[in-house]
Amino acid sequence: MAKRILDIIGAALGLLLLLPIFLVVALLIKLDSSGPVFFRQERMGKGFRPFFIFKFRTMAQDSSDKRLLLTVGADPRVTWIGRFLRKTKIDELPQLINVLKGEMTFVGPRPEVRRFVELFREDYAEILKVRPGLTDIASLKYQDEAEVIGRFQNPEEEYVARILPDKIRLAKEYIERSSIFFDLGLILKTLPKLLGFKAAQ
């Protein structure tokens, strides 16, 4: 209950304080390419309940269905402003809306798409006992994930075979170690990402 109260207060304050940045980013997105400001994609939440995650749109309109579910390397789908938003992780700030709605929390296992969750359903039965979060241990370790998987000939195959199992392991580790103080430490390690610095792991 305490964590949920902190989520509500933090998300509401965050959205209020970041409103000017949201407006500037929205304008830049509209000037850079046609299409909506926000990108919404189904993810699996607590108890396997699906929800739609919010992000600032970083790709050309309707490009998300043309290739992989993953964004890899110098993906041509990503717009000019989208590259900046992804590098600074500003594209993920609208997920504060998901936190306010109770679909996500500030710190918790990152939400995955349905197809990948179904591949490891037994593991996610344990992981999805908690709400997915904006950041976790795996987010810090794989902060350059797009560049890493972009080096592989078959990115999605490598993601499922190597990266996702490690993320699952780290998600379970987070659940075991979860506490207010541990969450605070992960938040402090994540903040440098918004300034363009490498987050400490």
N, C-alpha and C. Protein backbone atom coordinates (compact mmCIF):
# COMPACT_ATOMS: atom_id res chain seq x y z
N MET A 1 0.82 -1.20 0.00
CA MET A 1 0.00 0.00 0.00
C MET A 1 0.87 1.26 0.00
N ALA A 2 1.94 1.25 0.82
CA ALA A 2 2.82 2.41 0.89
C ALA A 2 3.46 2.69 -0.47
N LYS A 3 3.85 1.62 -1.17
CA LYS A 3 4.47 1.79 -2.47
C LYS A 3 3.49 2.39 -3.46
N ARG A 4 2.22 1.97 -3.40
CA ARG A 4 1.21 2.51 -4.31
C ARG A 4 0.95 3.99 -4.03
N ILE A 5 0.92 4.37 -2.76
CA ILE A 5 0.73 5.77 -2.41
C ILE A 5 1.88 6.62 -2.94
N LEU A 6 3.10 6.11 -2.78
CA LEU A 6 4.27 6.83 -3.31
C LEU A 6 4.21 6.92 -4.83
N ASP A 7 3.72 5.86 -5.48
CA ASP A 7 3.57 5.87 -6.94
C ASP A 7 2.61 6.98 -7.38
N ILE A 8 1.49 7.08 -6.71
CA ILE A 8 0.47 8.07 -7.07
C ILE A 8 1.01 9.48 -6.89
N ILE A 9 1.61 9.72 -5.73
CA ILE A 9 2.15 11.06 -5.45
C ILE A 9 3.28 11.40 -6.42
N GLY A 10 4.21 10.44 -6.62
CA GLY A 10 5.35 10.68 -7.50
C GLY A 10 4.95 10.89 -8.95
N ALA A 11 4.01 10.06 -9.43
CA ALA A 11 3.58 10.18 -10.82
C ALA A 11 2.82 11.48 -11.06
N ALA A 12 1.95 11.86 -10.12
CA ALA A 12 1.18 13.09 -10.27
C ALA A 12 2.10 14.31 -10.27
N LEU A 13 3.05 14.34 -9.33
CA LEU A 13 4.00 15.45 -9.27
C LEU A 13 4.88 15.47 -10.51
N GLY A 14 5.31 14.28 -10.93
CA GLY A 14 6.17 14.19 -12.10
C GLY A 14 5.50 14.72 -13.36
N LEU A 15 4.26 14.31 -13.57
CA LEU A 15 3.52 14.77 -14.74
C LEU A 15 3.31 16.28 -14.70
N LEU A 16 3.05 16.82 -13.51
CA LEU A 16 2.84 18.26 -13.36
C LEU A 16 4.13 19.03 -13.64
N LEU A 17 5.23 18.58 -13.05
CA LEU A 17 6.50 19.28 -13.21
C LEU A 17 7.07 19.14 -14.62
N LEU A 18 6.79 18.01 -15.25
CA LEU A 18 7.34 17.75 -16.58
C LEU A 18 6.44 18.23 -17.71
N LEU A 19 5.31 18.83 -17.36
CA LEU A 19 4.38 19.29 -18.39
C LEU A 19 5.03 20.20 -19.44
N PRO A 20 5.86 21.17 -19.04
CA PRO A 20 6.51 22.00 -20.06
C PRO A 20 7.37 21.18 -21.02
N ILE A 21 8.09 20.19 -20.49
CA ILE A 21 8.93 19.34 -21.33
C ILE A 21 8.05 18.51 -22.27
N PHE A 22 6.95 18.01 -21.74
CA PHE A 22 6.02 17.23 -22.57
C PHE A 22 5.52 18.06 -23.75
N LEU A 23 5.20 19.31 -23.49
CA LEU A 23 4.68 20.18 -24.55
C LEU A 23 5.73 20.45 -25.62
N VAL A 24 6.97 20.69 -25.19
CA VAL A 24 8.07 20.92 -26.15
C VAL A 24 8.33 19.67 -26.97
N VAL A 25 8.40 18.52 -26.32
CA VAL A 25 8.64 17.25 -27.02
C VAL A 25 7.51 16.97 -28.00
N ALA A 26 6.28 17.21 -27.58
CA ALA A 26 5.13 16.97 -28.47
C ALA A 26 5.24 17.83 -29.72
N LEU A 27 5.63 19.09 -29.56
CA LEU A 27 5.78 19.99 -30.70
C LEU A 27 6.88 19.50 -31.64
N LEU A 28 8.00 19.08 -31.09
CA LEU A 28 9.13 18.60 -31.91
C LEU A 28 8.74 17.33 -32.68
N ILE A 29 7.99 16.46 -32.03
CA ILE A 29 7.56 15.23 -32.70
C ILE A 29 6.66 15.56 -33.88
N LYS A 30 5.73 16.48 -33.68
CA LYS A 30 4.80 16.85 -34.75
C LYS A 30 5.52 17.56 -35.89
N LEU A 31 6.54 18.35 -35.57
CA LEU A 31 7.30 19.04 -36.60
C LEU A 31 8.20 18.09 -37.38
N ASP A 32 8.65 17.03 -36.71
CA ASP A 32 9.61 16.11 -37.32
C ASP A 32 8.95 15.12 -38.27
N SER A 33 7.73 14.66 -37.94
CA SER A 33 7.07 13.67 -38.79
C SER A 33 5.57 13.68 -38.50
N SER A 34 4.81 13.17 -39.43
CA SER A 34 3.36 13.10 -39.23
C SER A 34 3.01 11.93 -38.34
N GLY A 35 1.90 12.07 -37.63
CA GLY A 35 1.47 10.99 -36.77
C GLY A 35 1.20 11.47 -35.37
N PRO A 36 0.74 10.59 -34.50
CA PRO A 36 0.41 10.97 -33.12
C PRO A 36 1.66 11.27 -32.29
N VAL A 37 1.47 11.96 -31.19
CA VAL A 37 2.57 12.26 -30.28
C VAL A 37 2.97 11.02 -29.49
N PHE A 38 1.97 10.26 -29.06
CA PHE A 38 2.24 9.10 -28.23
C PHE A 38 2.20 7.80 -29.03
N PHE A 39 3.00 6.85 -28.59
CA PHE A 39 3.00 5.49 -29.12
C PHE A 39 2.45 4.60 -28.03
N ARG A 40 1.49 3.76 -28.37
CA ARG A 40 0.90 2.84 -27.42
C ARG A 40 1.09 1.41 -27.91
N GLN A 41 1.54 0.54 -27.01
CA GLN A 41 1.76 -0.86 -27.38
C GLN A 41 1.32 -1.75 -26.23
N GLU A 42 0.69 -2.86 -26.57
CA GLU A 42 0.23 -3.77 -25.53
C GLU A 42 1.41 -4.43 -24.82
N ARG A 43 1.34 -4.45 -23.51
CA ARG A 43 2.29 -5.16 -22.67
C ARG A 43 1.51 -5.98 -21.66
N MET A 44 2.18 -6.93 -21.04
CA MET A 44 1.53 -7.78 -20.04
C MET A 44 1.84 -7.24 -18.64
N GLY A 45 0.77 -7.05 -17.87
CA GLY A 45 0.92 -6.49 -16.54
C GLY A 45 0.73 -7.52 -15.44
N LYS A 46 0.59 -7.03 -14.24
CA LYS A 46 0.42 -7.88 -13.07
C LYS A 46 -0.74 -8.85 -13.27
N GLY A 47 -0.49 -10.12 -12.95
CA GLY A 47 -1.52 -11.13 -13.12
C GLY A 47 -1.85 -11.44 -14.56
N PHE A 48 -0.91 -11.16 -15.47
CA PHE A 48 -1.09 -11.38 -16.92
C PHE A 48 -2.20 -10.50 -17.51
N ARG A 49 -2.52 -9.39 -16.83
CA ARG A 49 -3.51 -8.48 -17.37
C ARG A 49 -2.84 -7.55 -18.38
N PRO A 50 -3.30 -7.54 -19.62
CA PRO A 50 -2.68 -6.68 -20.63
C PRO A 50 -3.04 -5.21 -20.40
N PHE A 51 -2.14 -4.35 -20.79
CA PHE A 51 -2.39 -2.92 -20.75
C PHE A 51 -1.60 -2.27 -21.87
N PHE A 52 -1.89 -1.03 -22.16
CA PHE A 52 -1.17 -0.32 -23.21
C PHE A 52 -0.19 0.67 -22.60
N ILE A 53 1.08 0.45 -22.90
CA ILE A 53 2.13 1.30 -22.38
C ILE A 53 2.21 2.58 -23.22
N PHE A 54 2.48 3.71 -22.56
CA PHE A 54 2.62 4.99 -23.24
C PHE A 54 4.09 5.35 -23.41
N LYS A 55 4.45 5.79 -24.61
CA LYS A 55 5.77 6.35 -24.87
C LYS A 55 5.59 7.50 -25.86
N PHE A 56 6.56 8.41 -25.88
CA PHE A 56 6.57 9.37 -26.98
C PHE A 56 6.91 8.62 -28.26
N ARG A 57 6.21 8.93 -29.33
CA ARG A 57 6.48 8.24 -30.60
C ARG A 57 7.86 8.63 -31.11
N THR A 58 8.66 7.61 -31.43
CA THR A 58 10.02 7.84 -31.92
C THR A 58 10.23 7.28 -33.33
N MET A 59 9.19 6.68 -33.89
CA MET A 59 9.31 6.08 -35.22
C MET A 59 8.35 6.74 -36.19
N ALA A 60 8.62 6.54 -37.47
CA ALA A 60 7.70 7.03 -38.50
C ALA A 60 6.35 6.37 -38.30
N GLN A 61 5.29 7.07 -38.64
CA GLN A 61 3.94 6.58 -38.40
C GLN A 61 3.70 5.22 -39.05
N ASP A 62 3.05 4.32 -38.29
CA ASP A 62 2.66 2.97 -38.76
C ASP A 62 3.85 2.07 -39.08
N SER A 63 5.05 2.45 -38.61
CA SER A 63 6.22 1.61 -38.91
C SER A 63 6.38 0.46 -37.94
N SER A 64 5.67 0.51 -36.81
CA SER A 64 5.89 -0.49 -35.77
C SER A 64 5.47 -1.89 -36.18
N ASP A 65 4.62 -2.00 -37.21
CA ASP A 65 4.16 -3.33 -37.62
C ASP A 65 4.95 -3.91 -38.79
N LYS A 66 5.92 -3.16 -39.29
CA LYS A 66 6.58 -3.57 -40.52
C LYS A 66 7.74 -4.53 -40.31
N ARG A 67 8.32 -4.52 -39.12
CA ARG A 67 9.48 -5.38 -38.89
C ARG A 67 9.36 -6.04 -37.53
N LEU A 68 10.45 -6.07 -36.80
CA LEU A 68 10.48 -6.76 -35.53
C LEU A 68 9.77 -5.98 -34.43
N LEU A 69 9.47 -6.67 -33.33
CA LEU A 69 8.96 -6.00 -32.15
C LEU A 69 10.08 -5.24 -31.46
N LEU A 70 11.32 -5.56 -31.82
CA LEU A 70 12.48 -4.93 -31.20
C LEU A 70 13.01 -3.80 -32.07
N THR A 71 13.61 -2.81 -31.41
CA THR A 71 14.31 -1.75 -32.13
C THR A 71 15.79 -2.06 -32.04
N VAL A 72 16.47 -2.12 -33.18
CA VAL A 72 17.87 -2.57 -33.19
C VAL A 72 18.76 -1.55 -33.87
N GLY A 73 19.96 -1.35 -33.26
CA GLY A 73 20.99 -0.52 -33.87
C GLY A 73 20.49 0.79 -34.43
N ALA A 74 20.97 1.14 -35.62
CA ALA A 74 20.56 2.36 -36.31
C ALA A 74 19.29 2.07 -37.11
N ASP A 75 18.22 1.78 -36.42
CA ASP A 75 16.97 1.39 -37.04
C ASP A 75 16.43 2.53 -37.91
N PRO A 76 16.21 2.28 -39.19
CA PRO A 76 15.74 3.34 -40.09
C PRO A 76 14.33 3.83 -39.78
N ARG A 77 13.60 3.08 -38.96
CA ARG A 77 12.25 3.50 -38.58
C ARG A 77 12.27 4.69 -37.63
N VAL A 78 13.38 4.88 -36.92
CA VAL A 78 13.46 5.91 -35.88
C VAL A 78 13.66 7.29 -36.53
N THR A 79 12.88 8.25 -36.08
CA THR A 79 12.96 9.60 -36.63
C THR A 79 14.15 10.36 -36.03
N TRP A 80 14.38 11.55 -36.55
CA TRP A 80 15.50 12.37 -36.06
C TRP A 80 15.32 12.71 -34.59
N ILE A 81 14.17 13.24 -34.23
CA ILE A 81 13.93 13.57 -32.82
C ILE A 81 13.81 12.30 -32.00
N GLY A 82 13.36 11.21 -32.64
CA GLY A 82 13.23 9.94 -31.94
C GLY A 82 14.56 9.41 -31.44
N ARG A 83 15.62 9.62 -32.21
CA ARG A 83 16.95 9.16 -31.78
C ARG A 83 17.37 9.86 -30.49
N PHE A 84 17.09 11.17 -30.41
CA PHE A 84 17.42 11.92 -29.20
C PHE A 84 16.59 11.45 -28.02
N LEU A 85 15.30 11.26 -28.25
CA LEU A 85 14.41 10.84 -27.17
C LEU A 85 14.80 9.48 -26.63
N ARG A 86 15.20 8.58 -27.52
CA ARG A 86 15.61 7.25 -27.08
C ARG A 86 16.93 7.29 -26.33
N LYS A 87 17.85 8.07 -26.82
CA LYS A 87 19.18 8.15 -26.18
C LYS A 87 19.06 8.68 -24.76
N THR A 88 18.21 9.68 -24.56
CA THR A 88 18.05 10.29 -23.25
C THR A 88 16.99 9.59 -22.41
N LYS A 89 16.26 8.64 -22.99
CA LYS A 89 15.17 7.93 -22.33
C LYS A 89 13.97 8.83 -22.05
N ILE A 90 13.95 10.01 -22.64
CA ILE A 90 12.80 10.90 -22.48
C ILE A 90 11.55 10.27 -23.08
N ASP A 91 11.73 9.42 -24.08
CA ASP A 91 10.57 8.77 -24.71
C ASP A 91 9.76 7.94 -23.72
N GLU A 92 10.38 7.55 -22.60
CA GLU A 92 9.71 6.70 -21.63
C GLU A 92 8.96 7.48 -20.54
N LEU A 93 9.13 8.79 -20.51
CA LEU A 93 8.49 9.59 -19.46
C LEU A 93 6.96 9.47 -19.44
N PRO A 94 6.28 9.34 -20.59
CA PRO A 94 4.82 9.20 -20.53
C PRO A 94 4.34 7.97 -19.77
N GLN A 95 5.24 7.06 -19.45
CA GLN A 95 4.84 5.90 -18.66
C GLN A 95 4.42 6.30 -17.24
N LEU A 96 4.68 7.56 -16.88
CA LEU A 96 4.14 8.07 -15.62
C LEU A 96 2.62 7.99 -15.62
N ILE A 97 2.02 8.07 -16.81
CA ILE A 97 0.57 7.91 -16.93
C ILE A 97 0.18 6.50 -16.51
N ASN A 98 0.96 5.51 -16.96
CA ASN A 98 0.69 4.12 -16.58
C ASN A 98 0.85 3.91 -15.08
N VAL A 99 1.84 4.61 -14.48
CA VAL A 99 2.04 4.51 -13.03
C VAL A 99 0.84 5.10 -12.31
N LEU A 100 0.38 6.26 -12.76
CA LEU A 100 -0.76 6.92 -12.12
C LEU A 100 -2.02 6.05 -12.22
N LYS A 101 -2.17 5.34 -13.34
CA LYS A 101 -3.34 4.49 -13.55
C LYS A 101 -3.26 3.18 -12.76
N GLY A 102 -2.10 2.88 -12.20
CA GLY A 102 -1.94 1.65 -11.43
C GLY A 102 -1.52 0.46 -12.26
N GLU A 103 -1.18 0.68 -13.52
CA GLU A 103 -0.74 -0.41 -14.39
C GLU A 103 0.75 -0.70 -14.22
N MET A 104 1.49 0.30 -13.75
CA MET A 104 2.93 0.16 -13.54
C MET A 104 3.30 0.81 -12.21
N THR A 105 4.54 0.60 -11.82
CA THR A 105 5.10 1.22 -10.63
C THR A 105 6.44 1.85 -11.02
N PHE A 106 7.04 2.62 -10.13
CA PHE A 106 8.30 3.25 -10.49
C PHE A 106 9.42 2.23 -10.66
N VAL A 107 9.50 1.28 -9.75
CA VAL A 107 10.56 0.26 -9.82
C VAL A 107 9.93 -1.12 -9.82
N GLY A 108 10.25 -1.89 -10.84
CA GLY A 108 9.71 -3.24 -10.97
C GLY A 108 10.17 -3.82 -12.29
N PRO A 109 9.99 -5.11 -12.49
CA PRO A 109 10.41 -5.74 -13.75
C PRO A 109 9.80 -5.04 -14.95
N ARG A 110 10.61 -4.76 -15.96
CA ARG A 110 10.10 -4.07 -17.14
C ARG A 110 9.06 -4.91 -17.85
N PRO A 111 7.96 -4.31 -18.32
CA PRO A 111 6.90 -5.07 -18.98
C PRO A 111 7.30 -5.54 -20.37
N GLU A 112 6.89 -6.74 -20.70
CA GLU A 112 7.21 -7.31 -22.01
C GLU A 112 5.94 -7.45 -22.85
N VAL A 113 6.14 -7.65 -24.15
CA VAL A 113 5.01 -7.88 -25.05
C VAL A 113 4.49 -9.30 -24.84
N ARG A 114 3.24 -9.51 -25.22
CA ARG A 114 2.57 -10.78 -24.98
C ARG A 114 3.34 -11.97 -25.56
N ARG A 115 3.85 -11.83 -26.78
CA ARG A 115 4.50 -12.96 -27.46
C ARG A 115 5.71 -13.46 -26.68
N PHE A 116 6.52 -12.56 -26.16
CA PHE A 116 7.70 -12.97 -25.41
C PHE A 116 7.32 -13.54 -24.04
N VAL A 117 6.28 -12.98 -23.44
CA VAL A 117 5.82 -13.50 -22.15
C VAL A 117 5.32 -14.93 -22.29
N GLU A 118 4.59 -15.21 -23.36
CA GLU A 118 4.06 -16.56 -23.57
C GLU A 118 5.17 -17.59 -23.75
N LEU A 119 6.30 -17.17 -24.29
CA LEU A 119 7.42 -18.09 -24.49
C LEU A 119 8.02 -18.53 -23.16
N PHE A 120 7.88 -17.70 -22.13
CA PHE A 120 8.43 -18.00 -20.81
C PHE A 120 7.34 -17.85 -19.75
N ARG A 121 6.17 -18.40 -20.05
CA ARG A 121 5.00 -18.16 -19.20
C ARG A 121 5.21 -18.62 -17.76
N GLU A 122 5.87 -19.73 -17.56
CA GLU A 122 6.09 -20.23 -16.20
C GLU A 122 6.91 -19.25 -15.39
N ASP A 123 7.95 -18.68 -16.01
CA ASP A 123 8.77 -17.69 -15.31
C ASP A 123 7.97 -16.42 -15.02
N TYR A 124 7.17 -16.00 -16.00
CA TYR A 124 6.40 -14.77 -15.82
C TYR A 124 5.24 -14.96 -14.84
N ALA A 125 4.85 -16.18 -14.59
CA ALA A 125 3.84 -16.41 -13.56
C ALA A 125 4.35 -15.94 -12.21
N GLU A 126 5.66 -16.04 -12.01
CA GLU A 126 6.28 -15.55 -10.78
C GLU A 126 6.54 -14.05 -10.87
N ILE A 127 7.05 -13.61 -12.01
CA ILE A 127 7.42 -12.19 -12.17
C ILE A 127 6.19 -11.29 -12.13
N LEU A 128 5.11 -11.71 -12.75
CA LEU A 128 3.93 -10.87 -12.85
C LEU A 128 3.01 -10.96 -11.64
N LYS A 129 3.58 -11.41 -10.53
CA LYS A 129 2.88 -11.27 -9.26
C LYS A 129 2.99 -9.83 -8.76
N VAL A 130 3.92 -9.07 -9.37
CA VAL A 130 4.10 -7.66 -9.02
C VAL A 130 3.86 -6.80 -10.25
N ARG A 131 3.62 -5.52 -10.04
CA ARG A 131 3.43 -4.61 -11.16
C ARG A 131 4.75 -4.40 -11.89
N PRO A 132 4.71 -4.31 -13.21
CA PRO A 132 5.92 -3.95 -13.95
C PRO A 132 6.30 -2.51 -13.65
N GLY A 133 7.58 -2.18 -13.88
CA GLY A 133 8.06 -0.86 -13.49
C GLY A 133 8.73 -0.07 -14.58
N LEU A 134 9.02 1.20 -14.25
CA LEU A 134 9.74 2.08 -15.16
C LEU A 134 11.20 1.68 -15.27
N THR A 135 11.75 1.17 -14.18
CA THR A 135 13.16 0.78 -14.18
C THR A 135 13.36 -0.41 -13.25
N ASP A 136 14.43 -1.15 -13.50
CA ASP A 136 14.81 -2.26 -12.63
C ASP A 136 16.27 -2.60 -12.89
N ILE A 137 16.73 -3.70 -12.34
CA ILE A 137 18.13 -4.09 -12.50
C ILE A 137 18.47 -4.31 -13.97
N ALA A 138 17.58 -4.97 -14.69
CA ALA A 138 17.83 -5.27 -16.10
C ALA A 138 17.88 -4.00 -16.94
N SER A 139 17.09 -2.99 -16.58
CA SER A 139 17.10 -1.72 -17.32
C SER A 139 18.48 -1.08 -17.27
N LEU A 140 19.13 -1.19 -16.12
CA LEU A 140 20.46 -0.61 -15.98
C LEU A 140 21.50 -1.42 -16.75
N LYS A 141 21.39 -2.74 -16.67
CA LYS A 141 22.36 -3.59 -17.36
C LYS A 141 22.23 -3.46 -18.87
N TYR A 142 20.99 -3.36 -19.36
CA TYR A 142 20.75 -3.34 -20.80
C TYR A 142 20.30 -1.95 -21.28
N GLN A 143 20.94 -0.91 -20.75
CA GLN A 143 20.56 0.44 -21.15
C GLN A 143 20.92 0.73 -22.60
N ASP A 144 21.83 -0.05 -23.18
CA ASP A 144 22.17 0.10 -24.61
C ASP A 144 21.70 -1.12 -25.39
N GLU A 145 20.56 -1.64 -25.02
CA GLU A 145 20.06 -2.89 -25.60
C GLU A 145 19.92 -2.83 -27.12
N ALA A 146 19.39 -1.73 -27.66
CA ALA A 146 19.18 -1.64 -29.11
C ALA A 146 20.49 -1.78 -29.87
N GLU A 147 21.57 -1.16 -29.33
CA GLU A 147 22.86 -1.26 -29.99
C GLU A 147 23.43 -2.67 -29.89
N VAL A 148 23.22 -3.30 -28.71
CA VAL A 148 23.75 -4.65 -28.48
C VAL A 148 23.11 -5.65 -29.43
N ILE A 149 21.79 -5.69 -29.48
CA ILE A 149 21.14 -6.68 -30.32
C ILE A 149 21.24 -6.34 -31.80
N GLY A 150 21.55 -5.08 -32.10
CA GLY A 150 21.73 -4.68 -33.49
C GLY A 150 22.97 -5.30 -34.12
N ARG A 151 23.86 -5.82 -33.30
CA ARG A 151 25.08 -6.45 -33.81
C ARG A 151 24.85 -7.88 -34.28
N PHE A 152 23.71 -8.45 -33.91
CA PHE A 152 23.43 -9.84 -34.25
C PHE A 152 22.77 -9.94 -35.62
N GLN A 153 23.03 -11.04 -36.30
CA GLN A 153 22.43 -11.26 -37.60
C GLN A 153 20.92 -11.47 -37.49
N ASN A 154 20.51 -12.16 -36.44
CA ASN A 154 19.08 -12.37 -36.18
C ASN A 154 18.77 -11.82 -34.79
N PRO A 155 18.48 -10.52 -34.70
CA PRO A 155 18.30 -9.88 -33.39
C PRO A 155 17.22 -10.51 -32.52
N GLU A 156 16.07 -10.80 -33.10
CA GLU A 156 14.98 -11.32 -32.28
C GLU A 156 15.31 -12.71 -31.73
N GLU A 157 15.95 -13.54 -32.55
CA GLU A 157 16.34 -14.87 -32.10
C GLU A 157 17.34 -14.78 -30.96
N GLU A 158 18.31 -13.88 -31.09
CA GLU A 158 19.32 -13.71 -30.04
C GLU A 158 18.69 -13.13 -28.77
N TYR A 159 17.74 -12.23 -28.95
CA TYR A 159 17.06 -11.63 -27.80
C TYR A 159 16.35 -12.72 -26.98
N VAL A 160 15.62 -13.58 -27.67
CA VAL A 160 14.87 -14.64 -26.99
C VAL A 160 15.80 -15.68 -26.38
N ALA A 161 16.90 -15.96 -27.05
CA ALA A 161 17.80 -17.03 -26.61
C ALA A 161 18.75 -16.58 -25.51
N ARG A 162 19.17 -15.29 -25.53
CA ARG A 162 20.23 -14.87 -24.63
C ARG A 162 19.84 -13.73 -23.70
N ILE A 163 19.26 -12.68 -24.24
CA ILE A 163 19.01 -11.48 -23.44
C ILE A 163 17.77 -11.63 -22.56
N LEU A 164 16.68 -12.10 -23.13
CA LEU A 164 15.45 -12.23 -22.35
C LEU A 164 15.59 -13.18 -21.16
N PRO A 165 16.24 -14.35 -21.31
CA PRO A 165 16.42 -15.19 -20.13
C PRO A 165 17.22 -14.49 -19.02
N ASP A 166 18.20 -13.66 -19.41
CA ASP A 166 18.95 -12.93 -18.39
C ASP A 166 18.08 -11.86 -17.74
N LYS A 167 17.23 -11.21 -18.52
CA LYS A 167 16.31 -10.24 -17.96
C LYS A 167 15.35 -10.90 -16.97
N ILE A 168 14.92 -12.10 -17.31
CA ILE A 168 14.02 -12.84 -16.42
C ILE A 168 14.74 -13.16 -15.11
N ARG A 169 15.99 -13.58 -15.22
CA ARG A 169 16.79 -13.86 -14.01
C ARG A 169 16.91 -12.62 -13.13
N LEU A 170 17.17 -11.48 -13.76
CA LEU A 170 17.33 -10.23 -13.02
C LEU A 170 16.00 -9.75 -12.43
N ALA A 171 14.90 -10.03 -13.13
CA ALA A 171 13.58 -9.67 -12.61
C ALA A 171 13.29 -10.46 -11.33
N LYS A 172 13.63 -11.73 -11.34
CA LYS A 172 13.43 -12.55 -10.15
C LYS A 172 14.33 -12.09 -9.01
N GLU A 173 15.56 -11.68 -9.36
CA GLU A 173 16.47 -11.15 -8.34
C GLU A 173 15.89 -9.89 -7.72
N TYR A 174 15.31 -9.03 -8.57
CA TYR A 174 14.72 -7.80 -8.04
C TYR A 174 13.60 -8.12 -7.06
N ILE A 175 12.74 -9.06 -7.41
CA ILE A 175 11.62 -9.41 -6.54
C ILE A 175 12.12 -9.90 -5.19
N GLU A 176 13.20 -10.66 -5.20
CA GLU A 176 13.76 -11.18 -3.96
C GLU A 176 14.34 -10.06 -3.09
N ARG A 177 14.92 -9.05 -3.73
CA ARG A 177 15.62 -7.99 -3.00
C ARG A 177 14.76 -6.75 -2.79
N SER A 178 13.58 -6.74 -3.33
CA SER A 178 12.74 -5.55 -3.34
C SER A 178 12.50 -4.98 -1.94
N SER A 179 12.68 -3.67 -1.83
CA SER A 179 12.37 -2.92 -0.61
C SER A 179 12.37 -1.44 -0.98
N ILE A 180 11.86 -0.60 -0.10
CA ILE A 180 11.83 0.84 -0.38
C ILE A 180 13.24 1.36 -0.62
N PHE A 181 14.19 0.93 0.19
CA PHE A 181 15.56 1.42 0.07
C PHE A 181 16.24 0.89 -1.19
N PHE A 182 15.97 -0.37 -1.53
CA PHE A 182 16.55 -0.92 -2.76
C PHE A 182 15.98 -0.22 -3.97
N ASP A 183 14.66 0.04 -3.95
CA ASP A 183 14.02 0.76 -5.04
C ASP A 183 14.61 2.15 -5.20
N LEU A 184 14.82 2.83 -4.08
CA LEU A 184 15.39 4.18 -4.12
C LEU A 184 16.78 4.16 -4.75
N GLY A 185 17.57 3.14 -4.41
CA GLY A 185 18.90 3.02 -5.00
C GLY A 185 18.84 2.84 -6.51
N LEU A 186 17.89 2.05 -6.99
CA LEU A 186 17.74 1.84 -8.44
C LEU A 186 17.28 3.12 -9.13
N ILE A 187 16.40 3.89 -8.47
CA ILE A 187 15.96 5.17 -9.05
C ILE A 187 17.14 6.13 -9.18
N LEU A 188 17.97 6.20 -8.16
CA LEU A 188 19.14 7.09 -8.19
C LEU A 188 20.14 6.67 -9.26
N LYS A 189 20.24 5.38 -9.51
CA LYS A 189 21.13 4.89 -10.57
C LYS A 189 20.54 5.14 -11.96
N THR A 190 19.22 5.24 -12.02
CA THR A 190 18.55 5.44 -13.31
C THR A 190 18.55 6.89 -13.75
N LEU A 191 18.49 7.83 -12.82
CA LEU A 191 18.38 9.25 -13.14
C LEU A 191 19.44 9.75 -14.13
N PRO A 192 20.71 9.31 -14.02
CA PRO A 192 21.71 9.80 -14.99
C PRO A 192 21.36 9.49 -16.43
N LYS A 193 20.57 8.46 -16.68
CA LYS A 193 20.17 8.11 -18.05
C LYS A 193 19.41 9.26 -18.69
N LEU A 194 18.63 9.99 -17.89
CA LEU A 194 17.85 11.10 -18.43
C LEU A 194 18.73 12.29 -18.80
N LEU A 195 19.96 12.28 -18.31
CA LEU A 195 20.90 13.35 -18.63
C LEU A 195 21.90 12.91 -19.69
N GLY A 196 21.72 11.72 -20.20
CA GLY A 196 22.59 11.24 -21.26
C GLY A 196 23.84 10.53 -20.79
N PHE A 197 23.93 10.28 -19.48
CA PHE A 197 25.08 9.58 -18.93
C PHE A 197 24.78 8.10 -18.78
N LYS A 198 25.86 7.31 -18.69
CA LYS A 198 25.67 5.88 -18.45
C LYS A 198 25.25 5.70 -16.98
N ALA A 199 24.22 4.92 -16.78
CA ALA A 199 23.78 4.64 -15.43
C ALA A 199 24.72 3.65 -14.77
N ALA A 200 25.01 3.86 -13.51
CA ALA A 200 25.84 2.92 -12.77
C ALA A 200 25.06 1.64 -12.58
N GLN A 201 25.73 0.50 -12.67
CA GLN A 201 25.05 -0.79 -12.54
C GLN A 201 25.35 -1.41 -11.20
